[in-house]
C-alpha atoms as a PDB file:
ATOM      1  CA  MET A   1      17.675 -14.175  -1.808  1.00  0.00           C
ATOM      2  CA  LYS A   2      20.710 -14.648  -3.760  1.00  0.00           C
ATOM      3  CA  ILE A   3      20.737 -16.195  -7.279  1.00  0.00           C
ATOM      4  CA  GLU A   4      23.642 -17.087  -9.262  1.00  0.00           C
ATOM      5  CA  LEU A   5      23.567 -15.952 -12.784  1.00  0.00           C
ATOM      6  CA  PRO A   6      26.360 -16.895 -15.394  1.00  0.00           C
ATOM      7  CA  ALA A   7      27.878 -13.724 -17.552  1.00  0.00           C
ATOM      8  CA  THR A   8      30.219 -13.499 -20.360  1.00  0.00           C
ATOM      9  CA  THR A   9      32.455 -10.591 -20.896  1.00  0.00           C
ATOM     10  CA  PHE A  10      32.580  -9.312 -24.508  1.00  0.00           C
ATOM     11  CA  GLU A  11      33.987  -6.188 -26.433  1.00  0.00           C
ATOM     12  CA  THR A  12      32.306  -4.989 -29.206  1.00  0.00           C
ATOM     13  CA  GLU A  13      34.322  -5.225 -32.563  1.00  0.00           C
ATOM     14  CA  LYS A  14      32.163  -3.665 -35.439  1.00  0.00           C
ATOM     15  CA  LYS A  15      28.990  -2.079 -35.882  1.00  0.00           C
ATOM     16  CA  GLY A  16      26.165  -4.427 -35.189  1.00  0.00           C
ATOM     17  CA  ASP A  17      27.698  -6.697 -32.615  1.00  0.00           C
ATOM     18  CA  VAL A  18      25.196  -5.627 -29.684  1.00  0.00           C
ATOM     19  CA  LYS A  19      22.380  -6.437 -32.110  1.00  0.00           C
ATOM     20  CA  ARG A  20      24.000  -9.935 -32.979  1.00  0.00           C
ATOM     21  CA  LEU A  21      23.876 -10.557 -29.252  1.00  0.00           C
ATOM     22  CA  ARG A  22      20.194  -9.900 -29.020  1.00  0.00           C
ATOM     23  CA  ARG A  23      19.440 -11.977 -31.922  1.00  0.00           C
ATOM     24  CA  GLN A  24      21.224 -14.854 -30.526  1.00  0.00           C
ATOM     25  CA  GLY A  25      19.112 -14.719 -27.189  1.00  0.00           C
ATOM     26  CA  ASN A  26      21.477 -12.618 -25.096  1.00  0.00           C
ATOM     27  CA  ILE A  27      21.091  -9.223 -23.109  1.00  0.00           C
ATOM     28  CA  PRO A  28      23.828  -7.090 -22.997  1.00  0.00           C
ATOM     29  CA  ALA A  29      24.984  -5.682 -19.721  1.00  0.00           C
ATOM     30  CA  VAL A  30      27.318  -3.597 -17.673  1.00  0.00           C
ATOM     31  CA  LEU A  31      29.100  -4.188 -14.459  1.00  0.00           C
ATOM     32  CA  TYR A  32      30.499  -1.082 -12.531  1.00  0.00           C
ATOM     33  CA  GLY A  33      31.128  -0.220  -8.681  1.00  0.00           C
ATOM     34  CA  HIS A  34      33.618   1.090  -6.243  1.00  0.00           C
ATOM     35  CA  LYS A  35      35.907   2.941  -8.948  1.00  0.00           C
ATOM     36  CA  GLU A  36      36.471  -0.447 -10.755  1.00  0.00           C
ATOM     37  CA  LYS A  37      36.879  -0.466 -14.541  1.00  0.00           C
ATOM     38  CA  THR A  38      33.438  -1.264 -16.109  1.00  0.00           C
ATOM     39  CA  LYS A  39      32.900  -4.337 -17.701  1.00  0.00           C
ATOM     40  CA  LYS A  40      30.760  -5.192 -20.644  1.00  0.00           C
ATOM     41  CA  LEU A  41      29.034  -8.482 -20.497  1.00  0.00           C
ATOM     42  CA  TYR A  42      25.815 -10.291 -21.572  1.00  0.00           C
ATOM     43  CA  VAL A  43      23.667 -13.010 -19.877  1.00  0.00           C
ATOM     44  CA  GLU A  44      21.313 -15.390 -21.605  1.00  0.00           C
ATOM     45  CA  GLN A  45      17.883 -14.190 -21.932  1.00  0.00           C
ATOM     46  CA  ARG A  46      16.309 -17.511 -20.531  1.00  0.00           C
ATOM     47  CA  ALA A  47      18.819 -17.694 -17.627  1.00  0.00           C
ATOM     48  CA  PHE A  48      17.820 -14.014 -16.429  1.00  0.00           C
ATOM     49  CA  LYS A  49      14.084 -14.715 -16.896  1.00  0.00           C
ATOM     50  CA  LYS A  50      14.343 -16.710 -13.888  1.00  0.00           C
ATOM     51  CA  VAL A  51      15.914 -13.988 -11.837  1.00  0.00           C
ATOM     52  CA  LEU A  52      12.780 -11.736 -13.207  1.00  0.00           C
ATOM     53  CA  ASP A  53      10.330 -14.284 -11.888  1.00  0.00           C
ATOM     54  CA  VAL A  54      11.909 -14.233  -8.509  1.00  0.00           C
ATOM     55  CA  MET A  55      11.930 -10.386  -8.406  1.00  0.00           C
ATOM     56  CA  LYS A  56       8.378 -10.136  -8.695  1.00  0.00           C
ATOM     57  CA  LYS A  57       8.198 -11.273  -5.248  1.00  0.00           C
ATOM     58  CA  GLU A  58      11.125 -11.114  -3.516  1.00  0.00           C
ATOM     59  CA  THR A  59      14.473  -8.624  -3.496  1.00  0.00           C
ATOM     60  CA  VAL A  60      17.313 -10.468  -5.241  1.00  0.00           C
ATOM     61  CA  ILE A  61      21.219 -10.033  -4.950  1.00  0.00           C
ATOM     62  CA  VAL A  62      22.645 -11.595  -8.060  1.00  0.00           C
ATOM     63  CA  ASN A  63      26.121 -13.354  -7.827  1.00  0.00           C
ATOM     64  CA  LEU A  64      27.413 -12.836 -11.325  1.00  0.00           C
ATOM     65  CA  GLU A  65      29.627 -15.503 -12.237  1.00  0.00           C
ATOM     66  CA  ILE A  66      32.264 -14.347 -14.791  1.00  0.00           C
ATOM     67  CA  GLY A  67      34.656 -17.185 -15.276  1.00  0.00           C
ATOM     68  CA  SER A  68      36.292 -18.103 -11.858  1.00  0.00           C
ATOM     69  CA  LYS A  69      35.179 -15.124 -10.305  1.00  0.00           C
ATOM     70  CA  SER A  70      31.745 -14.346  -8.477  1.00  0.00           C
ATOM     71  CA  TYR A  71      30.664 -10.537  -8.207  1.00  0.00           C
ATOM     72  CA  PRO A  72      27.678 -10.058  -5.682  1.00  0.00           C
ATOM     73  CA  CYS A  73      25.567  -7.381  -7.717  1.00  0.00           C
ATOM     74  CA  VAL A  74      21.928  -5.378  -7.457  1.00  0.00           C
ATOM     75  CA  ILE A  75      20.246  -4.803 -10.549  1.00  0.00           C
ATOM     76  CA  LYS A  76      20.471  -0.886 -10.868  1.00  0.00           C
ATOM     77  CA  ALA A  77      18.461  -0.382 -14.255  1.00  0.00           C
ATOM     78  CA  LEU A  78      16.623  -2.492 -16.927  1.00  0.00           C
ATOM     79  CA  GLN A  79      16.356  -0.682 -20.427  1.00  0.00           C
ATOM     80  CA  HIS A  80      13.198  -2.084 -22.467  1.00  0.00           C
ATOM     81  CA  ASN A  81      12.518  -1.926 -26.275  1.00  0.00           C
ATOM     82  CA  PRO A  82       9.750   0.321 -26.514  1.00  0.00           C
ATOM     83  CA  LEU A  83       8.334  -1.896 -29.384  1.00  0.00           C
ATOM     84  CA  THR A  84       8.498  -5.171 -28.122  1.00  0.00           C
ATOM     85  CA  ASP A  85       9.036  -4.651 -24.280  1.00  0.00           C
ATOM     86  CA  THR A  86      11.879  -6.977 -24.254  1.00  0.00           C
ATOM     87  CA  ILE A  87      14.625  -6.412 -22.058  1.00  0.00           C
ATOM     88  CA  ALA A  88      17.354  -4.586 -24.176  1.00  0.00           C
ATOM     89  CA  HIS A  89      20.088  -3.752 -21.520  1.00  0.00           C
ATOM     90  CA  ILE A  90      20.828  -4.566 -17.819  1.00  0.00           C
ATOM     91  CA  ASP A  91      23.134  -2.239 -15.253  1.00  0.00           C
ATOM     92  CA  PHE A  92      24.669  -4.517 -12.418  1.00  0.00           C
ATOM     93  CA  GLN A  93      26.274  -2.438  -9.525  1.00  0.00           C
ATOM     94  CA  HIS A  94      29.080  -4.686  -7.634  1.00  0.00           C
ATOM     95  CA  ILE A  95      28.294  -4.415  -3.963  1.00  0.00           C
ATOM     96  CA  HIS A  96      30.626  -5.060  -1.203  1.00  0.00           C
ATOM     97  CA  LYS A  97      30.041  -6.667   2.115  1.00  0.00           C
ATOM     98  CA  LYS A  98      30.877  -3.736   4.653  1.00  0.00           C
ATOM     99  CA  GLU A  99      29.083  -1.089   2.429  1.00  0.00           C
ATOM    100  CA  LYS A 100      25.358  -0.264   3.017  1.00  0.00           C
ATOM    101  CA  ILE A 101      23.270  -0.513  -0.171  1.00  0.00           C
ATOM    102  CA  ARG A 102      19.875   0.877  -0.841  1.00  0.00           C
ATOM    103  CA  ALA A 103      16.943  -1.663  -2.265  1.00  0.00           C
ATOM    104  CA  THR A 104      13.430  -1.852  -2.634  1.00  0.00           C
ATOM    105  CA  VAL A 105      11.929  -4.787  -0.744  1.00  0.00           C
ATOM    106  CA  PRO A 106       8.518  -6.019  -1.284  1.00  0.00           C
ATOM    107  CA  ILE A 107       5.795  -6.185   1.346  1.00  0.00           C
ATOM    108  CA  HIS A 108       3.643  -9.514   1.950  1.00  0.00           C
ATOM    109  CA  THR A 109       0.490  -9.535   4.253  1.00  0.00           C
ATOM    110  CA  VAL A 110      -0.041 -12.864   6.191  1.00  0.00           C
ATOM    111  CA  GLY A 111      -3.161 -13.917   8.269  1.00  0.00           C
ATOM    112  CA  GLU A 112      -6.431 -12.867   8.352  1.00  0.00           C
ATOM    113  CA  ALA A 113      -7.675  -9.736   9.626  1.00  0.00           C
ATOM    114  CA  PRO A 114     -10.695 -10.046  12.062  1.00  0.00           C
ATOM    115  CA  GLY A 115     -12.234  -6.886  10.836  1.00  0.00           C
ATOM    116  CA  ILE A 116     -12.697  -8.297   7.414  1.00  0.00           C
ATOM    117  CA  GLU A 117     -14.967 -11.046   8.815  1.00  0.00           C
ATOM    118  CA  LYS A 118     -16.988  -8.045  10.457  1.00  0.00           C
ATOM    119  CA  GLY A 119     -17.572  -6.649   6.920  1.00  0.00           C
ATOM    120  CA  GLY A 120     -14.257  -4.246   6.766  1.00  0.00           C
ATOM    121  CA  ILE A 121     -12.521  -3.647   3.755  1.00  0.00           C
ATOM    122  CA  LEU A 122      -8.498  -4.473   3.663  1.00  0.00           C
ATOM    123  CA  ASP A 123      -6.810  -1.563   2.398  1.00  0.00           C
ATOM    124  CA  VAL A 124      -2.862  -2.125   1.718  1.00  0.00           C
ATOM    125  CA  HIS A 125      -1.211   1.213   1.251  1.00  0.00           C
ATOM    126  CA  LEU A 126       2.265   0.071   0.731  1.00  0.00           C
ATOM    127  CA  HIS A 127       3.346  -3.160  -1.517  1.00  0.00           C
ATOM    128  CA  GLU A 128       7.148  -2.380  -1.305  1.00  0.00           C
ATOM    129  CA  VAL A 129       9.494  -0.317   0.782  1.00  0.00           C
ATOM    130  CA  ARG A 130      12.759   1.400   0.111  1.00  0.00           C
ATOM    131  CA  VAL A 131      15.473   0.298   2.631  1.00  0.00           C
ATOM    132  CA  ARG A 132      19.234   0.968   3.335  1.00  0.00           C
ATOM    133  CA  CYS A 133      21.549  -1.878   5.099  1.00  0.00           C
ATOM    134  CA  LEU A 134      24.288  -3.994   4.602  1.00  0.00           C
ATOM    135  CA  PRO A 135      24.097  -6.734   1.951  1.00  0.00           C
ATOM    136  CA  ASP A 136      23.902  -9.498   4.419  1.00  0.00           C
ATOM    137  CA  ALA A 137      21.005  -7.725   6.411  1.00  0.00           C
ATOM    138  CA  LEU A 138      18.748  -7.306   3.119  1.00  0.00           C
ATOM    139  CA  PRO A 139      15.781  -8.992   3.535  1.00  0.00           C
ATOM    140  CA  SER A 140      13.938 -10.764   0.609  1.00  0.00           C
ATOM    141  CA  HIS A 141      10.760  -9.483   1.734  1.00  0.00           C
ATOM    142  CA  ILE A 142       8.885  -8.464   4.915  1.00  0.00           C
ATOM    143  CA  ASP A 143       5.838 -10.163   6.311  1.00  0.00           C
ATOM    144  CA  VAL A 144       3.449  -8.165   7.952  1.00  0.00           C
ATOM    145  CA  ASP A 145       0.950 -10.070  10.270  1.00  0.00           C
ATOM    146  CA  ILE A 146      -2.698  -8.526  10.055  1.00  0.00           C
ATOM    147  CA  SER A 147      -4.113 -11.324  12.360  1.00  0.00           C
ATOM    148  CA  ASN A 148      -5.214  -8.743  15.044  1.00  0.00           C
ATOM    149  CA  LEU A 149      -6.358  -6.022  12.440  1.00  0.00           C
ATOM    150  CA  ASP A 150      -9.822  -4.980  13.605  1.00  0.00           C
ATOM    151  CA  LEU A 151     -12.334  -2.626  12.112  1.00  0.00           C
ATOM    152  CA  GLY A 152     -10.633   0.872  11.989  1.00  0.00           C
ATOM    153  CA  SER A 153      -7.387  -0.386  12.797  1.00  0.00           C
ATOM    154  CA  ALA A 154      -3.889   0.195  10.959  1.00  0.00           C
ATOM    155  CA  ILE A 155      -0.455  -1.039  11.004  1.00  0.00           C
ATOM    156  CA  HIS A 156       2.543   1.443  10.368  1.00  0.00           C
ATOM    157  CA  LEU A 157       6.370   1.371   9.483  1.00  0.00           C
ATOM    158  CA  ARG A 158       6.668   2.038  13.284  1.00  0.00           C
ATOM    159  CA  ASP A 159       5.092  -1.341  14.055  1.00  0.00           C
ATOM    160  CA  LEU A 160       7.552  -3.408  12.139  1.00  0.00           C
ATOM    161  CA  THR A 161      10.711  -4.896  13.538  1.00  0.00           C
ATOM    162  CA  VAL A 162      13.389  -5.517  10.909  1.00  0.00           C
ATOM    163  CA  PRO A 163      17.037  -6.028  12.170  1.00  0.00           C
ATOM    164  CA  ASP A 164      19.832  -3.828  11.007  1.00  0.00           C
ATOM    165  CA  VAL A 165      17.485  -2.299   8.403  1.00  0.00           C
ATOM    166  CA  ASP A 166      16.720   1.531   8.244  1.00  0.00           C
ATOM    167  CA  PHE A 167      13.437   2.460   6.168  1.00  0.00           C
ATOM    168  CA  GLU A 168      13.630   5.439   3.962  1.00  0.00           C
ATOM    169  CA  LEU A 169      10.042   6.527   4.665  1.00  0.00           C
ATOM    170  CA  SER A 170       8.655   7.978   7.655  1.00  0.00           C
ATOM    171  CA  ALA A 171       7.809   5.649  10.696  1.00  0.00           C
ATOM    172  CA  ASP A 172       4.386   7.135  10.636  1.00  0.00           C
ATOM    173  CA  THR A 173       3.839   5.689   7.118  1.00  0.00           C
ATOM    174  CA  THR A 174       0.624   3.281   7.142  1.00  0.00           C
ATOM    175  CA  ILE A 175       1.035  -0.019   5.572  1.00  0.00           C
ATOM    176  CA  VAL A 176      -1.972  -1.600   5.816  1.00  0.00           C
ATOM    177  CA  SER A 177      -5.643  -0.627   7.413  1.00  0.00           C
ATOM    178  CA  VAL A 178      -9.171  -2.031   7.648  1.00  0.00           C
ATOM    179  CA  LEU A 179     -11.611   0.227   6.336  1.00  0.00           C
ATOM    180  CA  VAL A 180     -14.968   0.549   7.874  1.00  0.00           C
ATOM    181  CA  PRO A 181     -17.886   0.747   5.165  1.00  0.00           C
ATOM    182  CA  ARG A 182     -20.337   3.623   5.380  1.00  0.00           C
ATOM    183  CA  ALA A 183     -23.116   0.914   5.967  1.00  0.00           C
ATOM    184  CA  LEU A 184     -21.579  -0.262   8.961  1.00  0.00           C
ATOM    185  CA  GLU A 185     -20.948   3.191  10.417  1.00  0.00           C
ATOM    186  CA  VAL A 186     -24.463   4.036   9.920  1.00  0.00           C
ATOM    187  CA  GLY A 187     -25.924   0.592  11.306  1.00  0.00           C
ATOM    188  CA  VAL A 188     -23.594   0.357  14.277  1.00  0.00           C
ATOM    189  CA  LYS A 189     -24.296   3.451  16.632  1.00  0.00           C
ATOM    190  CA  PRO A 190     -22.763   3.720  19.732  1.00  0.00           C
ATOM    191  CA  ALA A 191     -25.317   3.258  22.492  1.00  0.00           C
ATOM    192  CA  ALA A 192     -24.816   6.948  23.844  1.00  0.00           C
ATOM    193  CA  ALA A 193     -25.516   8.147  20.399  1.00  0.00           C
ATOM    194  CA  GLU A 194     -28.795   6.219  20.292  1.00  0.00           C
ATOM    195  CA  GLU A 195     -29.806   7.376  23.653  1.00  0.00           C
ATOM    196  CA  ALA A 196     -29.155  11.199  22.510  1.00  0.00           C
ATOM    197  CA  VAL A 197     -31.066  10.534  19.434  1.00  0.00           C
ATOM    198  CA  ALA A 198     -34.110   8.926  21.398  1.00  0.00           C
ATOM    199  CA  ALA A 199     -33.927  12.009  23.635  1.00  0.00           C
ATOM    200  CA  GLU A 200     -34.024  14.617  21.210  1.00  0.00           C
ATOM    201  CA  GLU A 201     -36.976  12.753  19.534  1.00  0.00           C
ATOM    202  CA  GLY A 202     -38.927  12.893  22.457  1.00  0.00           C
ATOM    203  CA  ALA A 203     -38.176  16.466  23.310  1.00  0.00           C
ATOM    204  CA  ALA A 204     -39.370  17.105  19.583  1.00  0.00           C
ATOM    205  CA  GLU A 205     -42.604  15.136  20.070  1.00  0.00           C
ATOM    206  CA  ALA A 206     -43.358  16.909  23.472  1.00  0.00           C
ATOM    207  CA  GLY A 207     -42.703  19.981  21.913  1.00  0.00           C
ATOM    208  CA  GLU A 208     -45.203  19.268  19.118  1.00  0.00           C
ATOM    209  CA  GLY A 209     -47.738  18.214  21.657  1.00  0.00           C
ATOM    210  CA  GLU A 210     -47.695  21.436  23.840  1.00  0.00           C
ATOM    211  CA  GLY A 211     -47.734  23.489  20.627  1.00  0.00           C
ATOM    212  CA  ALA A 212     -50.658  21.604  19.155  1.00  0.00           C
ATOM    213  CA  ALA A 213     -52.519  22.048  22.876  1.00  0.00           C
ATOM    214  CA  LYS A 214     -51.927  25.786  22.871  1.00  0.00           C
ATOM    215  CA  GLU A 215     -53.293  26.143  19.490  1.00  0.00           C
ATOM    216  CA  ASP A 216     -56.662  24.288  20.283  1.00  0.00           C
ATOM    217  CA  LYS A 217     -56.998  26.516  23.342  1.00  0.00           C
ATOM    218  CA  ASP A 218     -56.676  29.805  21.420  1.00  0.00           C
ATOM    219  CA  LYS A 219     -58.971  28.725  18.783  1.00  0.00           C
ATOM    220  CA  LYS A 220     -61.656  28.005  21.643  1.00  0.00           C
ATOM    221  CA  GLU A 221     -60.943  31.136  23.377  1.00  0.00           C
ATOM    222  CA  ALA A 222     -61.514  33.015  19.990  1.00  0.00           C
ATOM    223  CA  LYS A 223     -64.633  30.963  19.287  1.00  0.00           C
ATOM    224  CA  ASP A 224     -66.160  31.899  22.599  1.00  0.00           C
ATOM    225  CA  ASP A 225     -65.485  35.705  22.196  1.00  0.00           C
ATOM    226  CA  LYS A 226     -67.023  35.692  18.794  1.00  0.00           C
ATOM    227  CA  LYS A 227     -70.255  33.933  20.148  1.00  0.00           C
ATOM    228  CA  ALA A 228     -70.272  36.554  23.188  1.00  0.00           C
ATOM    229  CA  LYS A 229     -70.312  39.364  20.588  1.00  0.00           C
ATOM    230  CA  GLU A 230     -73.040  38.015  18.239  1.00  0.00           C
ATOM    231  CA  THR A 231     -75.327  37.423  21.352  1.00  0.00           C
ATOM    232  CA  PRO A 232     -77.807  40.565  22.215  1.00  0.00           C
ATOM    233  CA  LYS A 233     -78.040  41.908  25.619  1.00  0.00           C
ATOM    234  CA  GLY A 234     -80.523  40.260  27.731  1.00  0.00           C
ATOM    235  CA  GLY A 235     -81.386  37.865  24.665  1.00  0.00           C
ATOM    236  CA  LYS A 236     -81.179  33.942  25.042  1.00  0.00           C
END
């Protein structure tokens, strides 16, 4: 997404000029790129806040409006005040139409995964991804459709089609998956597994029955032998 942002150049004349700018509700910044002379400038805090709000959801190319000229830029660095956490300084990099840039693009999941309705848990592994592309090909965000994601399924970077954009992560990187809870893994056994368990239980029961019968037979034989020894010859 492209956003226009007014900026004003300035030169520090004496100590305290930068602090004065901040007190007046401005943010000091620099603009550089392509061996051009670095420009010192400032933007209004209120105007830049609108850029920040968009940046939370989308990738932004800022068109810095300086006088009658417009400079397409990406934000390379934001410095924060360690005490107040307010933005203290901004680095803008001037980009050119025919040169590739690197940027971080947010990932948005869209749709409803069938696996969630079956009790699965949606696990988002990647919320943003680094890309390299020409400025005009830079997407504001990347939508990932999860409407076909079932239990145990996953979507990887290789499954995405984003024209003229190179990902800086491996194609095997997982973006999102549906985890199968342990309760479902235990409760939903394949039929073959259930049959195997039943066969094992039956064999165990049969073995126990044969063992008990043999034990009864041995006890009876021992009792008969003892009785025979105790009965006198010729006696009743």
